[in-house]
Amino acid sequence: MDALSRLIQLAHLQGSLDLRCQFAGDFAVDHAPSPQGEALFHLVLDGHCTVEPAGGSPLPLSAGDLVLFPHGAAHLIRATASTTPAAPIRQEHDGMLPLRRNTEDKVELDLLCGRFHYAPASATLLMAALPETVQVSLNQPGAATPLRALVELMRTEAGHRQPGALAIVTALTHALFAMVLRAYSTRRQQEAGVLTLLADARLGAAVQAMLAEPARAWTLEELGRIAAMSRASFARHFSERAGMTPWECLTRLRMHIASDLLMQSRRRTGDIGQDVGYQSEAAFGKAFRQYSGITPARFRRLHAQANPGQSTSVPTLDAAVFPAGQP
């Protein structure tokens, strides 16, 4: 499994569709901040609008454009330019999804709205690489053909509303998330972060190796050989691309895998620690506590107490200050 697929798997990503919006005239719809572990998205099926993120610059969207709020930021969706007075918005159903609309005539904006649910405790490394707002436009030069095809399929299914359409479009949202991450990492290769790291074929291979064998006592020489670089060159390029040292990255990967095992299984803490490279339960407990602020046992209890599908009571694993040396 490639590194990005593994990180998405660890995040326990689930896509869902909330509603479809069809507006005309001078409309404006506010969206409150989402709970931790939810990333909202809007896909323009037809027409155009403007999205105003809280504290950010307005984003013009047109047919085929998608905007993602990885951290659930508040935002406003409004008409780009209209002299037609706003009409009341009412709730209906289009045969596939709840439908919010304010027109019986020409639809000037057809919008598909949904969210991605993820487990914060095992998704921090992936989600931290994303800004408050991610916009992907199919109208930009170099837009990926597979992404275009995926969005077109979603538009077709949402428009025709044939039997099974909701199941198909919902399933496609998972692929949509991966393609959005791929498109974003390709476009922002100058920015440090795990997505930039994975976009580099040689450095990404080293991350994939760490994910595949987290318990291995990796050395810079071994990781450098995988990346076809010298020890010094690998360490320098890795830090520049990732914004962290190889050992910081390895520790975070180990903690993400460990947190996933703690949430998804009842295995002994010491056994989980060995799976991610710690020879004793005490050493694993110390590292986990340094990273998350709580013990593995308490982390597991908090997760067990959380309601299914609601992981907000489980702390995210991003609190530690990492040492410069090897873990």
C-alpha atoms as a PDB file:
ATOM      1  CA  MET A   1       0.000   0.000   0.000  1.00  0.00           C
ATOM      2  CA  ASP A   2       1.366   3.432  -0.923  1.00  0.00           C
ATOM      3  CA  ALA A   3       2.005   5.961   1.840  1.00  0.00           C
ATOM      4  CA  LEU A   4      -0.891   8.308   1.089  1.00  0.00           C
ATOM      5  CA  SER A   5      -3.366   5.420   0.959  1.00  0.00           C
ATOM      6  CA  ARG A   6      -2.050   4.161   4.297  1.00  0.00           C
ATOM      7  CA  LEU A   7      -2.397   7.594   5.922  1.00  0.00           C
ATOM      8  CA  ILE A   8      -5.964   7.876   4.630  1.00  0.00           C
ATOM      9  CA  GLN A   9      -6.654   4.389   5.976  1.00  0.00           C
ATOM     10  CA  LEU A  10      -5.296   5.372   9.393  1.00  0.00           C
ATOM     11  CA  ALA A  11      -7.552   8.426   9.356  1.00  0.00           C
ATOM     12  CA  HIS A  12     -10.633   6.145   9.075  1.00  0.00           C
ATOM     13  CA  LEU A  13     -12.038   8.519   6.511  1.00  0.00           C
ATOM     14  CA  GLN A  14     -15.738   8.309   5.707  1.00  0.00           C
ATOM     15  CA  GLY A  15     -17.450  10.585   3.236  1.00  0.00           C
ATOM     16  CA  SER A  16     -21.108  11.529   3.486  1.00  0.00           C
ATOM     17  CA  LEU A  17     -23.456  13.805   1.559  1.00  0.00           C
ATOM     18  CA  ASP A  18     -25.611  16.270   3.479  1.00  0.00           C
ATOM     19  CA  LEU A  19     -27.760  18.016   0.900  1.00  0.00           C
ATOM     20  CA  ARG A  20     -28.044  19.603  -2.500  1.00  0.00           C
ATOM     21  CA  CYS A  21     -28.555  23.346  -2.914  1.00  0.00           C
ATOM     22  CA  GLN A  22     -30.213  25.075  -5.871  1.00  0.00           C
ATOM     23  CA  PHE A  23     -30.245  28.840  -5.645  1.00  0.00           C
ATOM     24  CA  ALA A  24     -30.912  31.896  -7.757  1.00  0.00           C
ATOM     25  CA  GLY A  25     -30.823  35.611  -7.083  1.00  0.00           C
ATOM     26  CA  ASP A  26     -29.028  37.319  -4.228  1.00  0.00           C
ATOM     27  CA  PHE A  27     -28.683  34.442  -1.727  1.00  0.00           C
ATOM     28  CA  ALA A  28     -26.310  34.009   1.240  1.00  0.00           C
ATOM     29  CA  VAL A  29     -25.968  30.908   3.448  1.00  0.00           C
ATOM     30  CA  ASP A  30     -23.874  30.806   6.622  1.00  0.00           C
ATOM     31  CA  HIS A  31     -22.066  27.654   7.794  1.00  0.00           C
ATOM     32  CA  ALA A  32     -21.015  27.407  11.442  1.00  0.00           C
ATOM     33  CA  PRO A  33     -17.724  25.739  12.427  1.00  0.00           C
ATOM     34  CA  SER A  34     -17.824  21.943  12.291  1.00  0.00           C
ATOM     35  CA  PRO A  35     -16.881  19.676  15.200  1.00  0.00           C
ATOM     36  CA  GLN A  36     -13.382  18.261  15.405  1.00  0.00           C
ATOM     37  CA  GLY A  37     -13.054  15.305  13.080  1.00  0.00           C
ATOM     38  CA  GLU A  38     -15.257  16.744  10.316  1.00  0.00           C
ATOM     39  CA  ALA A  39     -14.113  18.385   7.094  1.00  0.00           C
ATOM     40  CA  LEU A  40     -16.858  20.071   5.068  1.00  0.00           C
ATOM     41  CA  PHE A  41     -16.806  20.275   1.276  1.00  0.00           C
ATOM     42  CA  HIS A  42     -18.879  21.906  -1.461  1.00  0.00           C
ATOM     43  CA  LEU A  43     -18.827  20.770  -5.076  1.00  0.00           C
ATOM     44  CA  VAL A  44     -20.290  23.084  -7.721  1.00  0.00           C
ATOM     45  CA  LEU A  45     -22.315  20.966 -10.141  1.00  0.00           C
ATOM     46  CA  ASP A  46     -23.405  23.953 -12.224  1.00  0.00           C
ATOM     47  CA  GLY A  47     -23.354  27.749 -12.061  1.00  0.00           C
ATOM     48  CA  HIS A  48     -21.128  29.884  -9.862  1.00  0.00           C
ATOM     49  CA  CYS A  49     -20.918  31.369  -6.375  1.00  0.00           C
ATOM     50  CA  THR A  50     -18.485  32.962  -3.930  1.00  0.00           C
ATOM     51  CA  VAL A  51     -17.262  31.307  -0.747  1.00  0.00           C
ATOM     52  CA  GLU A  52     -16.048  33.549   2.068  1.00  0.00           C
ATOM     53  CA  PRO A  53     -14.027  31.650   4.690  1.00  0.00           C
ATOM     54  CA  ALA A  54     -13.992  33.201   8.159  1.00  0.00           C
ATOM     55  CA  GLY A  55     -10.965  35.471   8.226  1.00  0.00           C
ATOM     56  CA  GLY A  56      -9.975  34.560   4.671  1.00  0.00           C
ATOM     57  CA  SER A  57     -10.222  35.979   1.182  1.00  0.00           C
ATOM     58  CA  PRO A  58     -13.324  35.362  -0.962  1.00  0.00           C
ATOM     59  CA  LEU A  59     -13.049  32.374  -3.314  1.00  0.00           C
ATOM     60  CA  PRO A  60     -14.949  32.430  -6.632  1.00  0.00           C
ATOM     61  CA  LEU A  61     -16.248  28.979  -7.597  1.00  0.00           C
ATOM     62  CA  SER A  62     -17.716  27.782 -10.890  1.00  0.00           C
ATOM     63  CA  ALA A  63     -18.942  24.462 -12.303  1.00  0.00           C
ATOM     64  CA  GLY A  64     -16.556  21.630 -11.451  1.00  0.00           C
ATOM     65  CA  ASP A  65     -14.838  23.506  -8.618  1.00  0.00           C
ATOM     66  CA  LEU A  66     -14.546  22.077  -5.130  1.00  0.00           C
ATOM     67  CA  VAL A  67     -13.718  23.755  -1.842  1.00  0.00           C
ATOM     68  CA  LEU A  68     -12.730  21.750   1.237  1.00  0.00           C
ATOM     69  CA  PHE A  69     -12.523  22.958   4.832  1.00  0.00           C
ATOM     70  CA  PRO A  70     -10.193  20.360   6.417  1.00  0.00           C
ATOM     71  CA  HIS A  71     -10.497  21.820   9.914  1.00  0.00           C
ATOM     72  CA  GLY A  72     -14.182  22.684   9.770  1.00  0.00           C
ATOM     73  CA  ALA A  73     -13.790  26.469   9.520  1.00  0.00           C
ATOM     74  CA  ALA A  74     -16.894  28.659   9.442  1.00  0.00           C
ATOM     75  CA  HIS A  75     -17.744  30.119   6.036  1.00  0.00           C
ATOM     76  CA  LEU A  76     -20.393  31.900   3.979  1.00  0.00           C
ATOM     77  CA  ILE A  77     -21.677  30.916   0.539  1.00  0.00           C
ATOM     78  CA  ARG A  78     -23.259  33.771  -1.419  1.00  0.00           C
ATOM     79  CA  ALA A  79     -24.216  34.868  -4.894  1.00  0.00           C
ATOM     80  CA  THR A  80     -21.272  36.214  -6.870  1.00  0.00           C
ATOM     81  CA  ALA A  81     -23.235  39.086  -8.413  1.00  0.00           C
ATOM     82  CA  SER A  82     -26.975  39.425  -8.668  1.00  0.00           C
ATOM     83  CA  THR A  83     -29.495  42.248  -8.776  1.00  0.00           C
ATOM     84  CA  THR A  84     -32.410  39.884  -8.196  1.00  0.00           C
ATOM     85  CA  PRO A  85     -33.775  40.147  -4.655  1.00  0.00           C
ATOM     86  CA  ALA A  86     -33.249  37.152  -2.407  1.00  0.00           C
ATOM     87  CA  ALA A  87     -36.154  34.678  -2.191  1.00  0.00           C
ATOM     88  CA  PRO A  88     -36.924  32.571   0.889  1.00  0.00           C
ATOM     89  CA  ILE A  89     -34.988  29.315   1.108  1.00  0.00           C
ATOM     90  CA  ARG A  90     -37.097  26.203   1.631  1.00  0.00           C
ATOM     91  CA  GLN A  91     -36.310  22.554   2.329  1.00  0.00           C
ATOM     92  CA  GLU A  92     -37.447  19.836  -0.075  1.00  0.00           C
ATOM     93  CA  HIS A  93     -36.124  16.504  -1.362  1.00  0.00           C
ATOM     94  CA  ASP A  94     -34.874  15.782  -4.871  1.00  0.00           C
ATOM     95  CA  GLY A  95     -35.341  11.999  -4.705  1.00  0.00           C
ATOM     96  CA  MET A  96     -31.737  11.443  -3.670  1.00  0.00           C
ATOM     97  CA  LEU A  97     -30.871  14.067  -1.051  1.00  0.00           C
ATOM     98  CA  PRO A  98     -32.481  16.794   1.020  1.00  0.00           C
ATOM     99  CA  LEU A  99     -32.795  19.805  -1.268  1.00  0.00           C
ATOM    100  CA  ARG A 100     -32.417  23.432  -0.199  1.00  0.00           C
ATOM    101  CA  ARG A 101     -33.653  25.857  -2.834  1.00  0.00           C
ATOM    102  CA  ASN A 102     -35.093  29.329  -3.345  1.00  0.00           C
ATOM    103  CA  THR A 103     -36.230  29.204  -6.968  1.00  0.00           C
ATOM    104  CA  GLU A 104     -38.798  27.515  -9.178  1.00  0.00           C
ATOM    105  CA  ASP A 105     -37.307  28.897 -12.371  1.00  0.00           C
ATOM    106  CA  LYS A 106     -33.744  28.991 -13.637  1.00  0.00           C
ATOM    107  CA  VAL A 107     -31.157  27.565 -11.211  1.00  0.00           C
ATOM    108  CA  GLU A 108     -28.077  29.793 -11.060  1.00  0.00           C
ATOM    109  CA  LEU A 109     -26.167  27.588  -8.615  1.00  0.00           C
ATOM    110  CA  ASP A 110     -26.386  23.797  -8.229  1.00  0.00           C
ATOM    111  CA  LEU A 111     -24.252  22.772  -5.262  1.00  0.00           C
ATOM    112  CA  LEU A 112     -23.514  19.388  -3.686  1.00  0.00           C
ATOM    113  CA  CYS A 113     -22.608  19.663   0.013  1.00  0.00           C
ATOM    114  CA  GLY A 114     -21.081  17.003   2.244  1.00  0.00           C
ATOM    115  CA  ARG A 115     -18.453  16.209   4.804  1.00  0.00           C
ATOM    116  CA  PHE A 116     -15.602  13.856   5.516  1.00  0.00           C
ATOM    117  CA  HIS A 117     -15.501  12.272   8.966  1.00  0.00           C
ATOM    118  CA  TYR A 118     -12.068  11.243  10.244  1.00  0.00           C
ATOM    119  CA  ALA A 119     -10.434  10.056  13.464  1.00  0.00           C
ATOM    120  CA  PRO A 120      -8.423  13.043  14.781  1.00  0.00           C
ATOM    121  CA  ALA A 121      -6.144  10.851  16.883  1.00  0.00           C
ATOM    122  CA  SER A 122      -4.755   8.987  13.869  1.00  0.00           C
ATOM    123  CA  ALA A 123      -5.156  11.684  11.211  1.00  0.00           C
ATOM    124  CA  THR A 124      -3.166  14.577  12.687  1.00  0.00           C
ATOM    125  CA  LEU A 125      -0.145  14.174  10.425  1.00  0.00           C
ATOM    126  CA  LEU A 126      -2.303  14.120   7.314  1.00  0.00           C
ATOM    127  CA  MET A 127      -4.753  16.891   8.231  1.00  0.00           C
ATOM    128  CA  ALA A 128      -2.079  19.180   9.689  1.00  0.00           C
ATOM    129  CA  ALA A 129      -0.543  19.342   6.213  1.00  0.00           C
ATOM    130  CA  LEU A 130      -3.658  21.105   4.924  1.00  0.00           C
ATOM    131  CA  PRO A 131      -4.564  24.788   5.325  1.00  0.00           C
ATOM    132  CA  GLU A 132      -7.925  26.076   6.557  1.00  0.00           C
ATOM    133  CA  THR A 133      -9.274  26.079   2.993  1.00  0.00           C
ATOM    134  CA  VAL A 134      -8.371  23.928  -0.016  1.00  0.00           C
ATOM    135  CA  GLN A 135      -9.743  24.887  -3.426  1.00  0.00           C
ATOM    136  CA  VAL A 136      -9.415  22.621  -6.440  1.00  0.00           C
ATOM    137  CA  SER A 137     -10.534  23.981  -9.790  1.00  0.00           C
ATOM    138  CA  LEU A 138     -11.024  21.824 -12.846  1.00  0.00           C
ATOM    139  CA  ASN A 139     -10.754  24.979 -14.917  1.00  0.00           C
ATOM    140  CA  GLN A 140      -7.095  25.474 -14.005  1.00  0.00           C
ATOM    141  CA  PRO A 141      -4.427  24.418 -16.526  1.00  0.00           C
ATOM    142  CA  GLY A 142      -3.129  20.941 -15.805  1.00  0.00           C
ATOM    143  CA  ALA A 143      -6.195  19.773 -13.879  1.00  0.00           C
ATOM    144  CA  ALA A 144      -5.943  15.996 -13.621  1.00  0.00           C
ATOM    145  CA  THR A 145      -8.044  14.019 -16.103  1.00  0.00           C
ATOM    146  CA  PRO A 146      -9.035  11.369 -13.499  1.00  0.00           C
ATOM    147  CA  LEU A 147     -10.320  14.102 -11.179  1.00  0.00           C
ATOM    148  CA  ARG A 148     -12.301  15.639 -14.024  1.00  0.00           C
ATOM    149  CA  ALA A 149     -13.809  12.236 -14.818  1.00  0.00           C
ATOM    150  CA  LEU A 150     -14.686  11.611 -11.176  1.00  0.00           C
ATOM    151  CA  VAL A 151     -16.403  14.970 -10.753  1.00  0.00           C
ATOM    152  CA  GLU A 152     -18.289  14.488 -14.026  1.00  0.00           C
ATOM    153  CA  LEU A 153     -19.515  11.079 -12.835  1.00  0.00           C
ATOM    154  CA  MET A 154     -20.700  12.621  -9.556  1.00  0.00           C
ATOM    155  CA  ARG A 155     -22.493  15.371 -11.478  1.00  0.00           C
ATOM    156  CA  THR A 156     -24.170  12.829 -13.778  1.00  0.00           C
ATOM    157  CA  GLU A 157     -25.342  10.596 -10.940  1.00  0.00           C
ATOM    158  CA  ALA A 158     -26.621  13.559  -8.907  1.00  0.00           C
ATOM    159  CA  GLY A 159     -28.420  14.955 -11.952  1.00  0.00           C
ATOM    160  CA  HIS A 160     -30.089  11.757 -13.188  1.00  0.00           C
ATOM    161  CA  ARG A 161     -30.921  10.352  -9.725  1.00  0.00           C
ATOM    162  CA  GLN A 162     -31.194   6.783 -10.954  1.00  0.00           C
ATOM    163  CA  PRO A 163     -31.618   3.892  -8.469  1.00  0.00           C
ATOM    164  CA  GLY A 164     -28.425   3.542  -6.409  1.00  0.00           C
ATOM    165  CA  ALA A 165     -27.282   7.084  -7.215  1.00  0.00           C
ATOM    166  CA  LEU A 166     -26.848   8.075  -3.573  1.00  0.00           C
ATOM    167  CA  ALA A 167     -24.743   4.991  -2.822  1.00  0.00           C
ATOM    168  CA  ILE A 168     -22.576   5.650  -5.880  1.00  0.00           C
ATOM    169  CA  VAL A 169     -22.008   9.343  -5.167  1.00  0.00           C
ATOM    170  CA  THR A 170     -21.316   8.671  -1.484  1.00  0.00           C
ATOM    171  CA  ALA A 171     -18.743   6.007  -2.368  1.00  0.00           C
ATOM    172  CA  LEU A 172     -17.115   8.362  -4.856  1.00  0.00           C
ATOM    173  CA  THR A 173     -16.507  10.954  -2.127  1.00  0.00           C
ATOM    174  CA  HIS A 174     -13.763   8.714  -0.681  1.00  0.00           C
ATOM    175  CA  ALA A 175     -11.927   8.740  -4.004  1.00  0.00           C
ATOM    176  CA  LEU A 176     -12.612  12.470  -4.284  1.00  0.00           C
ATOM    177  CA  PHE A 177     -10.750  13.144  -1.032  1.00  0.00           C
ATOM    178  CA  ALA A 178      -7.669  11.215  -2.178  1.00  0.00           C
ATOM    179  CA  MET A 179      -7.646  12.988  -5.544  1.00  0.00           C
ATOM    180  CA  VAL A 180      -8.030  16.394  -3.915  1.00  0.00           C
ATOM    181  CA  LEU A 181      -5.023  15.641  -1.697  1.00  0.00           C
ATOM    182  CA  ARG A 182      -3.038  14.501  -4.725  1.00  0.00           C
ATOM    183  CA  ALA A 183      -3.950  17.629  -6.685  1.00  0.00           C
ATOM    184  CA  TYR A 184      -3.142  19.883  -3.742  1.00  0.00           C
ATOM    185  CA  SER A 185       0.262  18.271  -3.081  1.00  0.00           C
ATOM    186  CA  THR A 186       1.218  18.545  -6.745  1.00  0.00           C
ATOM    187  CA  ARG A 187       0.283  22.223  -6.814  1.00  0.00           C
ATOM    188  CA  ARG A 188       1.960  23.166  -3.521  1.00  0.00           C
ATOM    189  CA  GLN A 189       5.297  21.393  -3.732  1.00  0.00           C
ATOM    190  CA  GLN A 190       7.113  24.442  -2.405  1.00  0.00           C
ATOM    191  CA  GLU A 191       5.321  24.155   0.961  1.00  0.00           C
ATOM    192  CA  ALA A 192       6.702  21.884   3.674  1.00  0.00           C
ATOM    193  CA  GLY A 193       4.467  19.092   4.947  1.00  0.00           C
ATOM    194  CA  VAL A 194       3.744  15.398   4.663  1.00  0.00           C
ATOM    195  CA  LEU A 195       1.854  15.813   1.354  1.00  0.00           C
ATOM    196  CA  THR A 196       4.807  17.613  -0.204  1.00  0.00           C
ATOM    197  CA  LEU A 197       7.008  14.837   1.125  1.00  0.00           C
ATOM    198  CA  LEU A 198       4.871  12.133  -0.455  1.00  0.00           C
ATOM    199  CA  ALA A 199       4.800  13.998  -3.781  1.00  0.00           C
ATOM    200  CA  ASP A 200       8.574  13.481  -3.971  1.00  0.00           C
ATOM    201  CA  ALA A 201       9.065   9.994  -5.425  1.00  0.00           C
ATOM    202  CA  ARG A 202      12.337   9.268  -3.613  1.00  0.00           C
ATOM    203  CA  LEU A 203      11.465  10.720  -0.212  1.00  0.00           C
ATOM    204  CA  GLY A 204       7.969   9.288  -0.418  1.00  0.00           C
ATOM    205  CA  ALA A 205       9.491   5.833  -0.808  1.00  0.00           C
ATOM    206  CA  ALA A 206      11.281   6.283   2.521  1.00  0.00           C
ATOM    207  CA  VAL A 207       8.011   7.271   4.239  1.00  0.00           C
ATOM    208  CA  GLN A 208       6.314   4.260   2.718  1.00  0.00           C
ATOM    209  CA  ALA A 209       9.061   2.033   4.114  1.00  0.00           C
ATOM    210  CA  MET A 210       8.618   3.513   7.605  1.00  0.00           C
ATOM    211  CA  LEU A 211       4.871   2.943   7.416  1.00  0.00           C
ATOM    212  CA  ALA A 212       5.363  -0.636   6.271  1.00  0.00           C
ATOM    213  CA  GLU A 213       7.866  -1.463   9.054  1.00  0.00           C
ATOM    214  CA  PRO A 214       7.320   0.974  11.942  1.00  0.00           C
ATOM    215  CA  ALA A 215       9.022  -1.366  14.443  1.00  0.00           C
ATOM    216  CA  ARG A 216      12.295  -1.454  12.522  1.00  0.00           C
ATOM    217  CA  ALA A 217      15.268   0.384  14.041  1.00  0.00           C
ATOM    218  CA  TRP A 218      15.716   2.610  11.006  1.00  0.00           C
ATOM    219  CA  THR A 219      18.967   4.459  10.378  1.00  0.00           C
ATOM    220  CA  LEU A 220      19.597   7.445   8.138  1.00  0.00           C
ATOM    221  CA  GLU A 221      21.846   5.266   5.983  1.00  0.00           C
ATOM    222  CA  GLU A 222      19.042   2.748   5.353  1.00  0.00           C
ATOM    223  CA  LEU A 223      16.454   5.413   4.621  1.00  0.00           C
ATOM    224  CA  GLY A 224      18.924   7.247   2.406  1.00  0.00           C
ATOM    225  CA  ARG A 225      19.545   4.078   0.373  1.00  0.00           C
ATOM    226  CA  ILE A 226      15.790   3.667  -0.171  1.00  0.00           C
ATOM    227  CA  ALA A 227      15.640   7.269  -1.385  1.00  0.00           C
ATOM    228  CA  ALA A 228      18.819   6.817  -3.474  1.00  0.00           C
ATOM    229  CA  MET A 229      20.567   9.587  -1.523  1.00  0.00           C
ATOM    230  CA  SER A 230      23.516   9.930   0.766  1.00  0.00           C
ATOM    231  CA  ARG A 231      22.855  10.090   4.511  1.00  0.00           C
ATOM    232  CA  ALA A 232      23.450  13.839   4.704  1.00  0.00           C
ATOM    233  CA  SER A 233      21.548  14.641   1.510  1.00  0.00           C
ATOM    234  CA  PHE A 234      18.571  12.563   2.640  1.00  0.00           C
ATOM    235  CA  ALA A 235      18.384  14.243   6.057  1.00  0.00           C
ATOM    236  CA  ARG A 236      18.613  17.714   4.520  1.00  0.00           C
ATOM    237  CA  HIS A 237      16.068  17.159   1.746  1.00  0.00           C
ATOM    238  CA  PHE A 238      13.673  15.350   4.078  1.00  0.00           C
ATOM    239  CA  SER A 239      13.649  18.197   6.579  1.00  0.00           C
ATOM    240  CA  GLU A 240      13.193  20.782   3.832  1.00  0.00           C
ATOM    241  CA  ARG A 241      10.267  18.930   2.288  1.00  0.00           C
ATOM    242  CA  ALA A 242       8.562  17.734   5.469  1.00  0.00           C
ATOM    243  CA  GLY A 243       9.237  20.590   7.868  1.00  0.00           C
ATOM    244  CA  MET A 244      10.438  17.965  10.371  1.00  0.00           C
ATOM    245  CA  THR A 245      13.351  15.573  10.772  1.00  0.00           C
ATOM    246  CA  PRO A 246      13.094  11.930   9.676  1.00  0.00           C
ATOM    247  CA  TRP A 247      12.962  10.906  13.351  1.00  0.00           C
ATOM    248  CA  GLU A 248      10.144  13.304  14.117  1.00  0.00           C
ATOM    249  CA  CYS A 249       8.225  11.894  11.165  1.00  0.00           C
ATOM    250  CA  LEU A 250       8.932   8.304  12.235  1.00  0.00           C
ATOM    251  CA  THR A 251       7.740   9.039  15.782  1.00  0.00           C
ATOM    252  CA  ARG A 252       4.524  10.586  14.508  1.00  0.00           C
ATOM    253  CA  LEU A 253       3.888   7.640  12.195  1.00  0.00           C
ATOM    254  CA  ARG A 254       4.480   5.228  15.061  1.00  0.00           C
ATOM    255  CA  MET A 255       2.099   7.120  17.326  1.00  0.00           C
ATOM    256  CA  HIS A 256      -0.592   7.280  14.632  1.00  0.00           C
ATOM    257  CA  ILE A 257      -0.356   3.529  14.085  1.00  0.00           C
ATOM    258  CA  ALA A 258      -0.326   2.900  17.843  1.00  0.00           C
ATOM    259  CA  SER A 259      -3.362   5.110  18.432  1.00  0.00           C
ATOM    260  CA  ASP A 260      -5.205   3.283  15.663  1.00  0.00           C
ATOM    261  CA  LEU A 261      -4.415  -0.085  17.262  1.00  0.00           C
ATOM    262  CA  LEU A 262      -5.473   1.202  20.681  1.00  0.00           C
ATOM    263  CA  MET A 263      -8.805   2.367  19.257  1.00  0.00           C
ATOM    264  CA  GLN A 264      -9.505  -0.626  17.035  1.00  0.00           C
ATOM    265  CA  SER A 265      -8.309  -3.566  19.135  1.00  0.00           C
ATOM    266  CA  ARG A 266      -8.108  -4.876  22.702  1.00  0.00           C
ATOM    267  CA  ARG A 267      -4.503  -6.025  22.399  1.00  0.00           C
ATOM    268  CA  ARG A 268      -2.124  -5.480  25.286  1.00  0.00           C
ATOM    269  CA  THR A 269      -0.441  -2.090  25.392  1.00  0.00           C
ATOM    270  CA  GLY A 270       2.992  -3.689  25.517  1.00  0.00           C
ATOM    271  CA  ASP A 271       2.291  -5.713  22.368  1.00  0.00           C
ATOM    272  CA  ILE A 272       1.144  -2.608  20.522  1.00  0.00           C
ATOM    273  CA  GLY A 273       4.292  -0.814  21.664  1.00  0.00           C
ATOM    274  CA  GLN A 274       6.442  -3.598  20.227  1.00  0.00           C
ATOM    275  CA  ASP A 275       4.542  -3.370  16.932  1.00  0.00           C
ATOM    276  CA  VAL A 276       5.677   0.236  16.573  1.00  0.00           C
ATOM    277  CA  GLY A 277       9.267  -0.130  17.712  1.00  0.00           C
ATOM    278  CA  TYR A 278       9.346   0.053  21.535  1.00  0.00           C
ATOM    279  CA  GLN A 279      10.916  -2.858  23.356  1.00  0.00           C
ATOM    280  CA  SER A 280       9.116  -2.352  26.664  1.00  0.00           C
ATOM    281  CA  GLU A 281       5.676  -1.218  27.744  1.00  0.00           C
ATOM    282  CA  ALA A 282       7.294   1.471  29.909  1.00  0.00           C
ATOM    283  CA  ALA A 283       9.247   2.912  26.966  1.00  0.00           C
ATOM    284  CA  PHE A 284       6.139   2.960  24.798  1.00  0.00           C
ATOM    285  CA  GLY A 285       4.046   4.528  27.557  1.00  0.00           C
ATOM    286  CA  LYS A 286       6.623   7.275  28.073  1.00  0.00           C
ATOM    287  CA  ALA A 287       6.818   8.057  24.351  1.00  0.00           C
ATOM    288  CA  PHE A 288       3.040   8.019  23.948  1.00  0.00           C
ATOM    289  CA  ARG A 289       2.538  10.273  26.954  1.00  0.00           C
ATOM    290  CA  GLN A 290       5.191  12.698  25.686  1.00  0.00           C
ATOM    291  CA  TYR A 291       3.420  12.790  22.338  1.00  0.00           C
ATOM    292  CA  SER A 292      -0.237  12.942  23.388  1.00  0.00           C
ATOM    293  CA  GLY A 293      -0.159  14.162  26.974  1.00  0.00           C
ATOM    294  CA  ILE A 294      -1.919  11.046  28.325  1.00  0.00           C
ATOM    295  CA  THR A 295      -1.107   7.369  28.831  1.00  0.00           C
ATOM    296  CA  PRO A 296      -2.092   4.714  26.267  1.00  0.00           C
ATOM    297  CA  ALA A 297      -4.549   3.215  28.781  1.00  0.00           C
ATOM    298  CA  ARG A 298      -6.309   6.531  29.335  1.00  0.00           C
ATOM    299  CA  PHE A 299      -6.367   7.198  25.607  1.00  0.00           C
ATOM    300  CA  ARG A 300      -8.088   3.848  25.072  1.00  0.00           C
ATOM    301  CA  ARG A 301     -10.625   4.526  27.836  1.00  0.00           C
ATOM    302  CA  LEU A 302     -11.502   7.931  26.388  1.00  0.00           C
ATOM    303  CA  HIS A 303     -12.062   6.405  22.989  1.00  0.00           C
ATOM    304  CA  ALA A 304     -14.229   3.616  24.454  1.00  0.00           C
ATOM    305  CA  GLN A 305     -16.374   6.221  26.216  1.00  0.00           C
ATOM    306  CA  ALA A 306     -16.900   8.278  23.042  1.00  0.00           C
ATOM    307  CA  ASN A 307     -20.089   7.751  21.078  1.00  0.00           C
ATOM    308  CA  PRO A 308     -19.736   5.834  17.782  1.00  0.00           C
ATOM    309  CA  GLY A 309     -18.750   8.215  14.995  1.00  0.00           C
ATOM    310  CA  GLN A 310     -17.844  10.960  17.455  1.00  0.00           C
ATOM    311  CA  SER A 311     -14.150  11.053  18.251  1.00  0.00           C
ATOM    312  CA  THR A 312     -14.018  14.602  19.605  1.00  0.00           C
ATOM    313  CA  SER A 313     -13.419  13.432  23.162  1.00  0.00           C
ATOM    314  CA  VAL A 314     -10.231  11.663  22.114  1.00  0.00           C
ATOM    315  CA  PRO A 315      -7.210  14.021  22.122  1.00  0.00           C
ATOM    316  CA  THR A 316      -5.340  14.620  18.907  1.00  0.00           C
ATOM    317  CA  LEU A 317      -1.748  13.476  18.846  1.00  0.00           C
ATOM    318  CA  ASP A 318       0.036  16.708  18.054  1.00  0.00           C
ATOM    319  CA  ALA A 319       1.119  18.109  21.387  1.00  0.00           C
ATOM    320  CA  ALA A 320       4.691  16.919  21.731  1.00  0.00           C
ATOM    321  CA  VAL A 321       7.938  18.781  21.273  1.00  0.00           C
ATOM    322  CA  PHE A 322      10.218  16.282  19.609  1.00  0.00           C
ATOM    323  CA  PRO A 323      13.871  15.747  20.463  1.00  0.00           C
ATOM    324  CA  ALA A 324      16.386  16.136  17.685  1.00  0.00           C
ATOM    325  CA  GLY A 325      17.812  12.634  18.082  1.00  0.00           C
ATOM    326  CA  GLN A 326      16.583   9.237  16.951  1.00  0.00           C
ATOM    327  CA  PRO A 327      13.612   7.803  18.937  1.00  0.00           C
END
